[in-house]
């Protein structure tokens, strides 16, 4: 009888160990399935279907951090292009400046007010001078937000008889906003913006 009880106890221990191992295996398999499901959902969420010329194309969304330097440089370039590209027309000047001020804080508005009070825009209009800008490079500091930047650009002051080149260097900070709008599609804002250098590249006037 004792032998029978011993056999029963041994069988019970085997069943107990088997049940525990089975439960652990089920938990592990369930965790793996859940993880794979969440991974599939995330991957599906990063895919965007685009209809182009009657064809369905698949696009993949990427982490914004990967594109952050590109977006920051484009925002800075767009601001400088709108602020410094000027034609001898008051409405054109006001339209460009108004668009640029959506991309920066009051520091840009102060710079605009200073230029206007000094008669800079009136001089462009009266002398029929067009001003263009080409951004040469932008140095970014991405170590902490707001991100510092220095913009190096070349200005062209174009008259009917001559073109003057000027070297422009500006500095500021840029922070990320919570929203993106039609007026500010990247959702960035330039702040503490200032001009460090704005001087002729060559004192000689070159023919265009």
N, C-alpha and C. Protein backbone atom coordinates (compact mmCIF):
# COMPACT_ATOMS: atom_id res chain seq x y z
N UNK A 1 0.83 -1.21 0.00
CA UNK A 1 0.00 0.00 0.00
C UNK A 1 0.86 1.26 0.00
N UNK A 2 1.93 1.21 0.81
CA UNK A 2 2.86 2.36 0.84
C UNK A 2 3.48 2.59 -0.53
N UNK A 3 3.76 1.49 -1.23
CA UNK A 3 4.36 1.62 -2.56
C UNK A 3 3.37 2.28 -3.52
N UNK A 4 2.07 1.89 -3.35
CA UNK A 4 1.05 2.49 -4.20
C UNK A 4 0.93 3.98 -3.95
N UNK A 5 0.94 4.36 -2.68
CA UNK A 5 0.86 5.78 -2.33
C UNK A 5 2.06 6.55 -2.87
N UNK A 6 3.24 5.90 -2.78
CA UNK A 6 4.46 6.53 -3.29
C UNK A 6 4.38 6.75 -4.79
N UNK A 7 3.82 5.75 -5.48
CA UNK A 7 3.67 5.90 -6.93
C UNK A 7 2.69 7.02 -7.28
N UNK A 8 1.61 7.08 -6.49
CA UNK A 8 0.62 8.15 -6.71
C UNK A 8 1.25 9.52 -6.48
N UNK A 9 2.03 9.62 -5.40
CA UNK A 9 2.70 10.89 -5.09
C UNK A 9 3.68 11.28 -6.19
N UNK A 10 4.43 10.29 -6.68
CA UNK A 10 5.38 10.55 -7.76
C UNK A 10 4.65 11.02 -9.02
N UNK A 11 3.55 10.33 -9.34
CA UNK A 11 2.78 10.72 -10.53
C UNK A 11 2.22 12.14 -10.36
N UNK A 12 1.75 12.43 -9.13
CA UNK A 12 1.23 13.77 -8.88
C UNK A 12 2.31 14.85 -9.07
N UNK A 13 3.53 14.56 -8.60
CA UNK A 13 4.63 15.50 -8.77
C UNK A 13 4.96 15.71 -10.24
N UNK A 14 4.93 14.60 -11.01
CA UNK A 14 5.18 14.72 -12.45
C UNK A 14 4.12 15.59 -13.12
N UNK A 15 2.87 15.32 -12.75
CA UNK A 15 1.78 16.13 -13.34
C UNK A 15 1.90 17.59 -12.94
N UNK A 16 2.27 17.82 -11.69
CA UNK A 16 2.43 19.19 -11.20
C UNK A 16 3.52 19.92 -11.97
N UNK A 17 4.69 19.24 -12.13
CA UNK A 17 5.79 19.87 -12.88
C UNK A 17 5.40 20.11 -14.34
N UNK A 18 4.70 19.13 -14.91
CA UNK A 18 4.26 19.29 -16.30
C UNK A 18 3.30 20.47 -16.45
N UNK A 19 2.37 20.58 -15.47
CA UNK A 19 1.39 21.68 -15.54
C UNK A 19 2.08 23.04 -15.42
N UNK A 20 3.06 23.11 -14.49
CA UNK A 20 3.78 24.38 -14.33
C UNK A 20 4.55 24.73 -15.60
N UNK A 21 5.24 23.74 -16.17
CA UNK A 21 5.99 23.98 -17.40
C UNK A 21 5.06 24.39 -18.53
N UNK A 22 3.88 23.75 -18.60
CA UNK A 22 2.91 24.08 -19.64
C UNK A 22 2.41 25.52 -19.49
N UNK A 23 2.13 25.90 -18.22
CA UNK A 23 1.65 27.27 -17.98
C UNK A 23 2.71 28.31 -18.34
N UNK A 24 3.97 28.02 -17.97
CA UNK A 24 5.05 28.96 -18.29
C UNK A 24 5.20 29.09 -19.81
N UNK A 25 5.11 27.95 -20.50
CA UNK A 25 5.21 27.97 -21.96
C UNK A 25 4.08 28.79 -22.57
N UNK A 26 2.87 28.63 -22.05
CA UNK A 26 1.72 29.39 -22.54
C UNK A 26 1.91 30.89 -22.33
N UNK A 27 2.43 31.26 -21.14
CA UNK A 27 2.66 32.69 -20.85
C UNK A 27 3.69 33.27 -21.81
N UNK A 28 4.78 32.52 -22.04
CA UNK A 28 5.83 33.00 -22.95
C UNK A 28 5.29 33.15 -24.37
N UNK A 29 4.55 32.15 -24.83
CA UNK A 29 3.98 32.22 -26.18
C UNK A 29 3.00 33.37 -26.31
N UNK A 30 2.18 33.58 -25.27
CA UNK A 30 1.23 34.69 -25.29
C UNK A 30 1.95 36.03 -25.36
N UNK A 31 3.03 36.18 -24.58
CA UNK A 31 3.81 37.42 -24.59
C UNK A 31 4.42 37.65 -25.98
N UNK A 32 4.94 36.60 -26.60
CA UNK A 32 5.52 36.73 -27.93
C UNK A 32 4.47 37.16 -28.95
N UNK A 33 3.28 36.52 -28.88
CA UNK A 33 2.21 36.86 -29.81
C UNK A 33 1.77 38.32 -29.64
N UNK A 34 1.62 38.75 -28.37
CA UNK A 34 1.23 40.14 -28.11
C UNK A 34 2.27 41.11 -28.64
N UNK A 35 3.55 40.80 -28.39
CA UNK A 35 4.63 41.66 -28.88
C UNK A 35 4.61 41.76 -30.41
N UNK A 36 4.43 40.62 -31.07
CA UNK A 36 4.40 40.62 -32.53
C UNK A 36 3.20 41.38 -33.06
N UNK A 37 2.07 41.30 -32.36
CA UNK A 37 0.89 42.05 -32.78
C UNK A 37 1.11 43.55 -32.68
N UNK A 38 1.69 44.00 -31.55
CA UNK A 38 1.97 45.43 -31.39
C UNK A 38 2.98 45.90 -32.43
N UNK A 39 3.98 45.07 -32.73
CA UNK A 39 4.96 45.43 -33.75
C UNK A 39 4.30 45.57 -35.11
N UNK A 40 3.39 44.65 -35.42
CA UNK A 40 2.69 44.72 -36.69
C UNK A 40 1.80 45.96 -36.78
N UNK A 41 1.18 46.31 -35.65
CA UNK A 41 0.33 47.52 -35.63
C UNK A 41 1.17 48.77 -35.84
N UNK A 42 2.33 48.84 -35.16
CA UNK A 42 3.21 50.00 -35.33
C UNK A 42 3.70 50.10 -36.77
N UNK A 43 4.06 48.97 -37.36
CA UNK A 43 4.54 48.98 -38.74
C UNK A 43 3.44 49.39 -39.70
N UNK A 44 2.22 48.90 -39.43
CA UNK A 44 1.10 49.28 -40.29
C UNK A 44 0.79 50.77 -40.15
N UNK A 45 0.95 51.31 -38.94
CA UNK A 45 0.69 52.73 -38.72
C UNK A 45 1.69 53.62 -39.41
N UNK A 46 2.89 53.12 -39.69
CA UNK A 46 3.91 53.92 -40.35
C UNK A 46 3.76 53.91 -41.87
N UNK A 47 2.81 53.12 -42.37
CA UNK A 47 2.57 53.05 -43.81
C UNK A 47 1.42 53.95 -44.20
N UNK A 48 1.60 54.67 -45.29
CA UNK A 48 0.57 55.58 -45.79
C UNK A 48 0.34 55.24 -47.26
N UNK A 49 -0.91 55.08 -47.62
CA UNK A 49 -1.25 54.80 -49.01
C UNK A 49 -1.57 56.10 -49.71
N UNK A 50 -0.92 56.35 -50.85
CA UNK A 50 -1.08 57.60 -51.59
C UNK A 50 -1.59 57.26 -52.98
N UNK A 51 -2.61 57.99 -53.42
CA UNK A 51 -3.14 57.83 -54.77
C UNK A 51 -2.51 58.89 -55.66
N UNK A 52 -1.73 58.44 -56.65
CA UNK A 52 -1.02 59.37 -57.53
C UNK A 52 -1.20 58.92 -58.97
N UNK A 53 -1.82 59.80 -59.77
CA UNK A 53 -2.06 59.49 -61.19
C UNK A 53 -2.79 58.15 -61.37
N UNK A 54 -3.76 57.90 -60.50
CA UNK A 54 -4.54 56.69 -60.62
C UNK A 54 -3.88 55.45 -60.08
N UNK A 55 -2.69 55.59 -59.50
CA UNK A 55 -1.97 54.45 -58.95
C UNK A 55 -1.86 54.59 -57.44
N UNK A 56 -2.00 53.47 -56.76
CA UNK A 56 -1.88 53.47 -55.30
C UNK A 56 -0.42 53.20 -54.95
N UNK A 57 0.20 54.13 -54.26
CA UNK A 57 1.60 54.01 -53.86
C UNK A 57 1.68 53.92 -52.35
N UNK A 58 2.66 53.19 -51.88
CA UNK A 58 2.84 53.02 -50.44
C UNK A 58 4.00 53.88 -49.97
N UNK A 59 3.76 54.68 -48.95
CA UNK A 59 4.81 55.52 -48.37
C UNK A 59 5.00 55.13 -46.92
N UNK A 60 6.16 55.38 -46.40
CA UNK A 60 6.48 55.02 -45.02
C UNK A 60 6.75 56.28 -44.22
N UNK A 61 6.08 56.39 -43.07
CA UNK A 61 6.33 57.51 -42.17
C UNK A 61 7.62 57.25 -41.41
N UNK A 62 8.38 58.30 -41.14
CA UNK A 62 9.64 58.15 -40.41
C UNK A 62 9.61 58.98 -39.14
N UNK A 63 10.45 58.63 -38.22
CA UNK A 63 10.56 59.36 -36.97
C UNK A 63 11.04 60.78 -37.25
N UNK A 64 10.37 61.77 -36.64
CA UNK A 64 10.71 63.15 -36.96
C UNK A 64 12.14 63.48 -36.54
N UNK A 65 12.64 62.79 -35.52
CA UNK A 65 13.99 63.07 -35.07
C UNK A 65 15.01 62.81 -36.18
N UNK A 66 14.73 61.85 -37.04
CA UNK A 66 15.63 61.54 -38.12
C UNK A 66 15.71 62.69 -39.12
N UNK A 67 14.59 63.39 -39.31
CA UNK A 67 14.53 64.49 -40.28
C UNK A 67 14.67 65.86 -39.63
N UNK A 68 14.88 65.90 -38.33
CA UNK A 68 14.89 67.18 -37.63
C UNK A 68 15.90 68.17 -38.19
N UNK A 69 17.16 67.79 -38.40
CA UNK A 69 18.12 68.77 -38.96
C UNK A 69 17.68 69.32 -40.31
N UNK A 70 17.12 68.46 -41.16
CA UNK A 70 16.67 68.89 -42.49
C UNK A 70 15.52 69.89 -42.35
N UNK A 71 14.56 69.57 -41.48
CA UNK A 71 13.41 70.46 -41.29
C UNK A 71 13.83 71.80 -40.68
N UNK A 72 14.75 71.76 -39.73
CA UNK A 72 15.22 73.00 -39.12
C UNK A 72 15.90 73.89 -40.15
N UNK A 73 16.77 73.31 -40.96
CA UNK A 73 17.46 74.10 -41.98
C UNK A 73 16.49 74.68 -43.00
N UNK A 74 15.48 73.90 -43.36
CA UNK A 74 14.49 74.40 -44.31
C UNK A 74 13.69 75.55 -43.71
N UNK A 75 13.34 75.44 -42.43
CA UNK A 75 12.60 76.51 -41.76
C UNK A 75 13.44 77.79 -41.72
N UNK A 76 14.71 77.65 -41.36
CA UNK A 76 15.60 78.81 -41.27
C UNK A 76 15.81 79.43 -42.65
N UNK A 77 16.01 78.58 -43.66
CA UNK A 77 16.20 79.08 -45.03
C UNK A 77 14.95 79.81 -45.52
N UNK A 78 13.78 79.23 -45.25
CA UNK A 78 12.53 79.86 -45.69
C UNK A 78 12.34 81.22 -45.03
N UNK A 79 12.63 81.30 -43.74
CA UNK A 79 12.50 82.58 -43.04
C UNK A 79 13.41 83.64 -43.66
N UNK A 80 14.68 83.30 -43.87
CA UNK A 80 15.61 84.28 -44.43
C UNK A 80 15.23 84.67 -45.86
N UNK A 81 14.75 83.70 -46.64
CA UNK A 81 14.34 84.01 -48.01
C UNK A 81 13.16 84.99 -48.01
N UNK A 82 12.18 84.75 -47.15
CA UNK A 82 11.02 85.64 -47.09
C UNK A 82 11.39 87.02 -46.55
N UNK A 83 12.28 87.05 -45.57
CA UNK A 83 12.62 88.33 -44.91
C UNK A 83 13.53 89.19 -45.79
N UNK A 84 14.44 88.57 -46.52
CA UNK A 84 15.47 89.33 -47.24
C UNK A 84 15.27 89.39 -48.74
N UNK A 85 14.31 88.65 -49.29
CA UNK A 85 14.04 88.76 -50.72
C UNK A 85 13.04 89.89 -50.92
N UNK A 86 13.53 91.00 -51.49
CA UNK A 86 12.73 92.21 -51.57
C UNK A 86 12.76 92.77 -52.99
N UNK A 87 11.61 93.18 -53.46
CA UNK A 87 11.49 93.87 -54.75
C UNK A 87 11.06 95.30 -54.50
N UNK A 88 11.33 96.21 -55.43
CA UNK A 88 10.97 97.61 -55.22
C UNK A 88 9.46 97.85 -55.35
N UNK A 89 8.72 97.18 -54.50
CA UNK A 89 7.27 97.31 -54.48
C UNK A 89 6.81 97.14 -53.04
N UNK A 90 6.10 98.13 -52.53
CA UNK A 90 5.72 98.13 -51.11
C UNK A 90 4.84 96.94 -50.76
N UNK A 91 3.89 96.60 -51.62
CA UNK A 91 3.01 95.47 -51.33
C UNK A 91 3.76 94.16 -51.31
N UNK A 92 4.71 93.99 -52.24
CA UNK A 92 5.50 92.76 -52.29
C UNK A 92 6.37 92.64 -51.04
N UNK A 93 6.95 93.77 -50.62
CA UNK A 93 7.79 93.76 -49.40
C UNK A 93 6.95 93.39 -48.18
N UNK A 94 5.80 94.03 -48.04
CA UNK A 94 4.95 93.76 -46.87
C UNK A 94 4.46 92.32 -46.86
N UNK A 95 4.15 91.78 -48.04
CA UNK A 95 3.65 90.40 -48.11
C UNK A 95 4.73 89.41 -47.69
N UNK A 96 5.96 89.62 -48.18
CA UNK A 96 7.05 88.72 -47.82
C UNK A 96 7.41 88.80 -46.34
N UNK A 97 7.48 90.01 -45.83
CA UNK A 97 7.81 90.20 -44.42
C UNK A 97 6.72 89.60 -43.53
N UNK A 98 5.45 89.80 -43.90
CA UNK A 98 4.35 89.27 -43.10
C UNK A 98 4.43 87.74 -43.00
N UNK A 99 4.78 87.07 -44.09
CA UNK A 99 4.91 85.61 -44.07
C UNK A 99 6.09 85.19 -43.19
N UNK A 100 7.17 85.94 -43.27
CA UNK A 100 8.36 85.57 -42.49
C UNK A 100 8.12 85.72 -40.99
N UNK A 101 7.29 86.68 -40.59
CA UNK A 101 7.08 86.93 -39.17
C UNK A 101 6.27 85.83 -38.49
N UNK A 102 5.59 84.98 -39.27
CA UNK A 102 4.94 83.81 -38.69
C UNK A 102 5.96 82.77 -38.24
N UNK A 103 7.18 82.85 -38.76
CA UNK A 103 8.20 81.84 -38.49
C UNK A 103 9.15 82.24 -37.38
N UNK A 104 8.99 83.43 -36.82
CA UNK A 104 9.92 83.93 -35.80
C UNK A 104 9.16 84.72 -34.75
N UNK A 105 9.86 85.04 -33.66
CA UNK A 105 9.22 85.78 -32.57
C UNK A 105 9.44 87.28 -32.74
N UNK A 106 9.27 88.02 -31.66
CA UNK A 106 9.33 89.49 -31.72
C UNK A 106 10.70 90.02 -32.11
N UNK A 107 11.75 89.20 -31.98
CA UNK A 107 13.08 89.69 -32.36
C UNK A 107 13.14 90.00 -33.85
N UNK A 108 12.45 89.22 -34.68
CA UNK A 108 12.40 89.50 -36.12
C UNK A 108 11.57 90.76 -36.39
N UNK A 109 10.49 90.92 -35.65
CA UNK A 109 9.65 92.12 -35.81
C UNK A 109 10.44 93.37 -35.45
N UNK A 110 11.28 93.29 -34.42
CA UNK A 110 12.11 94.45 -34.05
C UNK A 110 13.09 94.79 -35.17
N UNK A 111 13.69 93.77 -35.77
CA UNK A 111 14.61 94.02 -36.87
C UNK A 111 13.89 94.68 -38.05
N UNK A 112 12.69 94.21 -38.34
CA UNK A 112 11.90 94.81 -39.41
C UNK A 112 11.57 96.27 -39.09
N UNK A 113 11.14 96.52 -37.86
CA UNK A 113 10.81 97.90 -37.48
C UNK A 113 12.02 98.81 -37.58
N UNK A 114 13.19 98.33 -37.19
CA UNK A 114 14.41 99.13 -37.28
C UNK A 114 14.74 99.47 -38.73
N UNK A 115 14.61 98.49 -39.61
CA UNK A 115 14.88 98.73 -41.04
C UNK A 115 13.88 99.72 -41.62
N UNK A 116 12.62 99.57 -41.23
CA UNK A 116 11.59 100.48 -41.75
C UNK A 116 11.81 101.90 -41.25
N UNK A 117 12.12 102.04 -39.97
CA UNK A 117 12.33 103.38 -39.41
C UNK A 117 13.58 104.05 -40.00
N UNK A 118 14.56 103.25 -40.37
CA UNK A 118 15.76 103.83 -40.98
C UNK A 118 15.57 104.19 -42.44
N UNK A 119 14.41 103.85 -43.02
CA UNK A 119 14.13 104.18 -44.41
C UNK A 119 14.71 103.18 -45.40
N UNK A 120 15.09 102.00 -44.91
CA UNK A 120 15.75 101.02 -45.79
C UNK A 120 14.83 100.59 -46.93
N UNK A 121 13.60 100.27 -46.63
CA UNK A 121 12.67 99.80 -47.66
C UNK A 121 12.31 100.91 -48.63
N UNK A 122 12.14 102.12 -48.13
CA UNK A 122 11.84 103.25 -49.01
C UNK A 122 12.99 103.50 -49.97
N UNK A 123 14.23 103.32 -49.50
CA UNK A 123 15.38 103.50 -50.37
C UNK A 123 15.41 102.46 -51.49
N UNK A 124 15.06 101.22 -51.16
CA UNK A 124 14.99 100.18 -52.19
C UNK A 124 13.96 100.54 -53.25
N UNK A 125 12.80 101.02 -52.79
CA UNK A 125 11.73 101.33 -53.73
C UNK A 125 12.10 102.53 -54.60
N UNK A 126 12.62 103.58 -53.98
CA UNK A 126 12.95 104.80 -54.75
C UNK A 126 14.09 104.57 -55.73
N UNK A 127 15.03 103.69 -55.39
CA UNK A 127 16.17 103.43 -56.27
C UNK A 127 15.93 102.23 -57.18
N UNK A 128 14.74 101.63 -57.12
CA UNK A 128 14.40 100.46 -57.94
C UNK A 128 15.43 99.33 -57.77
N UNK A 129 15.73 99.02 -56.51
CA UNK A 129 16.70 97.97 -56.20
C UNK A 129 15.96 96.70 -55.77
N UNK A 130 16.34 95.59 -56.35
CA UNK A 130 15.84 94.29 -55.91
C UNK A 130 16.89 93.62 -55.03
N UNK A 131 16.42 92.97 -53.99
CA UNK A 131 17.35 92.28 -53.08
C UNK A 131 17.02 90.78 -53.08
N UNK A 132 18.04 89.98 -53.29
CA UNK A 132 17.90 88.54 -53.27
C UNK A 132 18.88 87.96 -52.26
N UNK A 133 18.59 86.75 -51.80
CA UNK A 133 19.47 86.12 -50.82
C UNK A 133 19.65 84.65 -51.18
N UNK A 134 20.84 84.17 -50.94
CA UNK A 134 21.14 82.74 -51.11
C UNK A 134 21.83 82.25 -49.84
N UNK A 135 21.20 81.29 -49.17
CA UNK A 135 21.76 80.73 -47.94
C UNK A 135 22.89 79.78 -48.32
N UNK A 136 24.08 80.06 -47.83
CA UNK A 136 25.25 79.24 -48.15
C UNK A 136 25.34 78.02 -47.24
N UNK A 137 25.17 78.23 -45.94
CA UNK A 137 25.24 77.12 -44.99
C UNK A 137 24.57 77.52 -43.68
N UNK A 138 24.18 76.52 -42.91
CA UNK A 138 23.56 76.74 -41.61
C UNK A 138 24.21 75.80 -40.61
N UNK A 139 24.76 76.35 -39.55
CA UNK A 139 25.36 75.55 -38.47
C UNK A 139 24.32 75.39 -37.36
N UNK A 140 24.06 74.14 -36.99
CA UNK A 140 23.05 73.84 -35.97
C UNK A 140 23.71 73.24 -34.74
N UNK A 141 23.17 73.59 -33.58
CA UNK A 141 23.56 72.98 -32.32
C UNK A 141 22.36 72.20 -31.79
N UNK A 142 22.39 70.87 -31.95
CA UNK A 142 21.26 70.03 -31.58
C UNK A 142 21.41 69.39 -30.21
N UNK A 143 22.36 69.88 -29.41
CA UNK A 143 22.60 69.27 -28.10
C UNK A 143 21.44 69.50 -27.13
N UNK A 144 20.78 70.65 -27.22
CA UNK A 144 19.65 70.93 -26.34
C UNK A 144 18.72 71.91 -27.00
N UNK A 145 17.45 71.86 -26.56
CA UNK A 145 16.44 72.76 -27.10
C UNK A 145 16.24 73.94 -26.14
N UNK A 146 16.05 75.17 -26.65
CA UNK A 146 15.98 75.53 -28.07
C UNK A 146 17.33 75.37 -28.78
N UNK A 147 17.26 74.98 -30.05
CA UNK A 147 18.46 74.67 -30.81
C UNK A 147 19.08 75.96 -31.37
N UNK A 148 20.35 76.15 -31.07
CA UNK A 148 21.04 77.32 -31.59
C UNK A 148 21.44 77.13 -33.04
N UNK A 149 21.50 78.23 -33.78
CA UNK A 149 21.92 78.15 -35.18
C UNK A 149 22.66 79.42 -35.58
N UNK A 150 23.51 79.28 -36.58
CA UNK A 150 24.16 80.40 -37.24
C UNK A 150 23.97 80.22 -38.73
N UNK A 151 23.46 81.25 -39.39
CA UNK A 151 23.15 81.18 -40.81
C UNK A 151 24.13 82.06 -41.59
N UNK A 152 24.75 81.47 -42.61
CA UNK A 152 25.69 82.19 -43.47
C UNK A 152 25.05 82.32 -44.85
N UNK A 153 24.95 83.55 -45.33
CA UNK A 153 24.24 83.77 -46.60
C UNK A 153 24.93 84.87 -47.40
N UNK A 154 24.53 84.97 -48.66
CA UNK A 154 25.02 86.01 -49.57
C UNK A 154 23.82 86.79 -50.09
N UNK A 155 23.89 88.12 -49.97
CA UNK A 155 22.84 88.99 -50.47
C UNK A 155 23.27 89.59 -51.81
N UNK A 156 22.30 89.77 -52.69
CA UNK A 156 22.52 90.48 -53.95
C UNK A 156 21.61 91.69 -53.99
N UNK A 157 22.19 92.87 -54.16
CA UNK A 157 21.43 94.09 -54.35
C UNK A 157 21.55 94.44 -55.83
N UNK A 158 20.45 94.30 -56.54
CA UNK A 158 20.47 94.37 -58.00
C UNK A 158 19.84 95.67 -58.47
N UNK A 159 20.65 96.47 -59.16
CA UNK A 159 20.16 97.65 -59.87
C UNK A 159 20.16 97.35 -61.37
N UNK A 160 19.61 98.27 -62.13
CA UNK A 160 19.61 98.07 -63.58
C UNK A 160 21.02 98.15 -64.15
N UNK A 161 21.93 98.82 -63.43
CA UNK A 161 23.28 99.02 -63.95
C UNK A 161 24.35 98.23 -63.21
N UNK A 162 24.03 97.66 -62.07
CA UNK A 162 25.08 97.00 -61.29
C UNK A 162 24.47 96.04 -60.27
N UNK A 163 25.34 95.18 -59.73
CA UNK A 163 24.95 94.24 -58.67
C UNK A 163 25.99 94.29 -57.55
N UNK A 164 25.52 94.44 -56.35
CA UNK A 164 26.40 94.47 -55.18
C UNK A 164 26.16 93.19 -54.37
N UNK A 165 27.25 92.54 -54.00
CA UNK A 165 27.17 91.34 -53.17
C UNK A 165 27.50 91.70 -51.73
N UNK A 166 26.72 91.18 -50.82
CA UNK A 166 26.95 91.42 -49.41
C UNK A 166 26.97 90.08 -48.67
N UNK A 167 27.82 90.01 -47.68
CA UNK A 167 27.90 88.80 -46.85
C UNK A 167 27.05 89.01 -45.61
N UNK A 168 26.18 88.04 -45.34
CA UNK A 168 25.24 88.15 -44.22
C UNK A 168 25.42 86.96 -43.28
N UNK A 169 25.55 87.25 -41.99
CA UNK A 169 25.63 86.22 -40.97
C UNK A 169 24.63 86.57 -39.88
N UNK A 170 23.73 85.64 -39.58
CA UNK A 170 22.75 85.85 -38.52
C UNK A 170 22.83 84.71 -37.52
N UNK A 171 22.26 84.96 -36.34
CA UNK A 171 22.30 83.96 -35.27
C UNK A 171 20.97 83.98 -34.53
N UNK A 172 20.61 82.84 -33.98
CA UNK A 172 19.38 82.77 -33.20
C UNK A 172 19.17 81.39 -32.59
N UNK A 173 17.99 81.20 -32.08
CA UNK A 173 17.58 79.91 -31.52
C UNK A 173 16.27 79.50 -32.18
N UNK A 174 15.99 78.21 -32.14
CA UNK A 174 14.76 77.73 -32.74
C UNK A 174 14.16 76.66 -31.83
N UNK A 175 12.87 76.80 -31.58
CA UNK A 175 12.20 75.83 -30.70
C UNK A 175 11.02 75.20 -31.43
N UNK A 176 10.59 74.05 -30.92
CA UNK A 176 9.51 73.30 -31.54
C UNK A 176 8.18 73.69 -30.90
N UNK A 177 7.21 74.01 -31.74
CA UNK A 177 5.87 74.35 -31.27
C UNK A 177 5.01 73.10 -31.18
N UNK A 178 3.89 73.22 -30.50
CA UNK A 178 2.99 72.08 -30.34
C UNK A 178 2.11 71.85 -31.56
N UNK A 179 2.00 72.86 -32.42
CA UNK A 179 1.09 72.76 -33.57
C UNK A 179 1.81 73.19 -34.84
N UNK A 180 1.29 72.69 -35.95
CA UNK A 180 1.74 73.09 -37.28
C UNK A 180 0.56 73.70 -38.02
N UNK A 181 0.81 74.80 -38.73
CA UNK A 181 -0.26 75.50 -39.43
C UNK A 181 0.16 75.77 -40.86
N UNK A 182 -0.78 76.30 -41.65
CA UNK A 182 -0.46 76.66 -43.03
C UNK A 182 0.60 77.75 -43.08
N UNK A 183 0.57 78.66 -42.10
CA UNK A 183 1.55 79.74 -42.07
C UNK A 183 2.90 79.30 -41.51
N UNK A 184 2.89 78.20 -40.75
CA UNK A 184 4.12 77.68 -40.16
C UNK A 184 4.08 76.14 -40.26
N UNK A 185 4.31 75.61 -41.46
CA UNK A 185 4.10 74.17 -41.68
C UNK A 185 5.04 73.27 -40.90
N UNK A 186 6.24 73.74 -40.56
CA UNK A 186 7.17 72.90 -39.80
C UNK A 186 6.87 72.91 -38.30
N UNK A 187 6.17 73.94 -37.84
CA UNK A 187 5.89 74.03 -36.41
C UNK A 187 7.11 74.41 -35.59
N UNK A 188 7.98 75.26 -36.14
CA UNK A 188 9.14 75.77 -35.43
C UNK A 188 8.99 77.28 -35.24
N UNK A 189 9.74 77.85 -34.30
CA UNK A 189 9.73 79.29 -34.11
C UNK A 189 11.15 79.77 -33.83
N UNK A 190 11.62 80.71 -34.65
CA UNK A 190 12.93 81.31 -34.45
C UNK A 190 12.82 82.39 -33.38
N UNK A 191 13.77 82.41 -32.45
CA UNK A 191 13.75 83.40 -31.39
C UNK A 191 15.18 83.92 -31.15
N UNK A 192 15.25 85.08 -30.48
CA UNK A 192 16.52 85.74 -30.19
C UNK A 192 17.36 85.91 -31.46
N UNK A 193 16.69 86.28 -32.55
CA UNK A 193 17.36 86.40 -33.85
C UNK A 193 18.06 87.74 -33.96
N UNK A 194 19.28 87.72 -34.45
CA UNK A 194 20.06 88.94 -34.61
C UNK A 194 21.02 88.80 -35.78
N UNK A 195 21.38 89.94 -36.36
CA UNK A 195 22.33 89.98 -37.46
C UNK A 195 23.72 90.25 -36.90
N UNK A 196 24.65 89.36 -37.17
CA UNK A 196 26.03 89.51 -36.70
C UNK A 196 26.89 90.27 -37.70
N UNK A 197 26.64 90.07 -38.98
CA UNK A 197 27.49 90.66 -40.01
C UNK A 197 26.65 90.92 -41.26
N UNK A 198 26.83 92.08 -41.84
CA UNK A 198 26.17 92.43 -43.10
C UNK A 198 27.04 93.46 -43.80
N UNK A 199 27.97 92.97 -44.63
CA UNK A 199 28.95 93.85 -45.24
C UNK A 199 29.20 93.44 -46.69
N UNK A 200 29.73 94.38 -47.47
CA UNK A 200 30.04 94.11 -48.86
C UNK A 200 31.12 93.04 -48.97
N UNK A 201 30.91 92.10 -49.90
CA UNK A 201 31.95 91.10 -50.15
C UNK A 201 33.13 91.75 -50.85
N UNK A 202 32.85 92.61 -51.80
CA UNK A 202 33.89 93.32 -52.54
C UNK A 202 33.41 94.76 -52.72
N UNK A 203 34.22 95.73 -52.34
CA UNK A 203 33.77 97.12 -52.49
C UNK A 203 33.57 97.54 -53.93
N UNK A 204 34.13 96.79 -54.88
CA UNK A 204 33.95 97.13 -56.29
C UNK A 204 32.57 96.70 -56.75
N UNK A 205 31.95 97.46 -57.59
CA UNK A 205 30.64 97.13 -58.14
C UNK A 205 30.86 96.33 -59.41
N UNK A 206 30.30 95.15 -59.45
CA UNK A 206 30.48 94.29 -60.63
C UNK A 206 29.26 94.36 -61.51
N UNK A 207 29.51 94.20 -62.78
CA UNK A 207 28.43 94.20 -63.75
C UNK A 207 27.65 92.90 -63.67
N UNK A 208 26.32 92.93 -63.78
CA UNK A 208 25.53 91.71 -63.67
C UNK A 208 25.70 90.84 -64.91
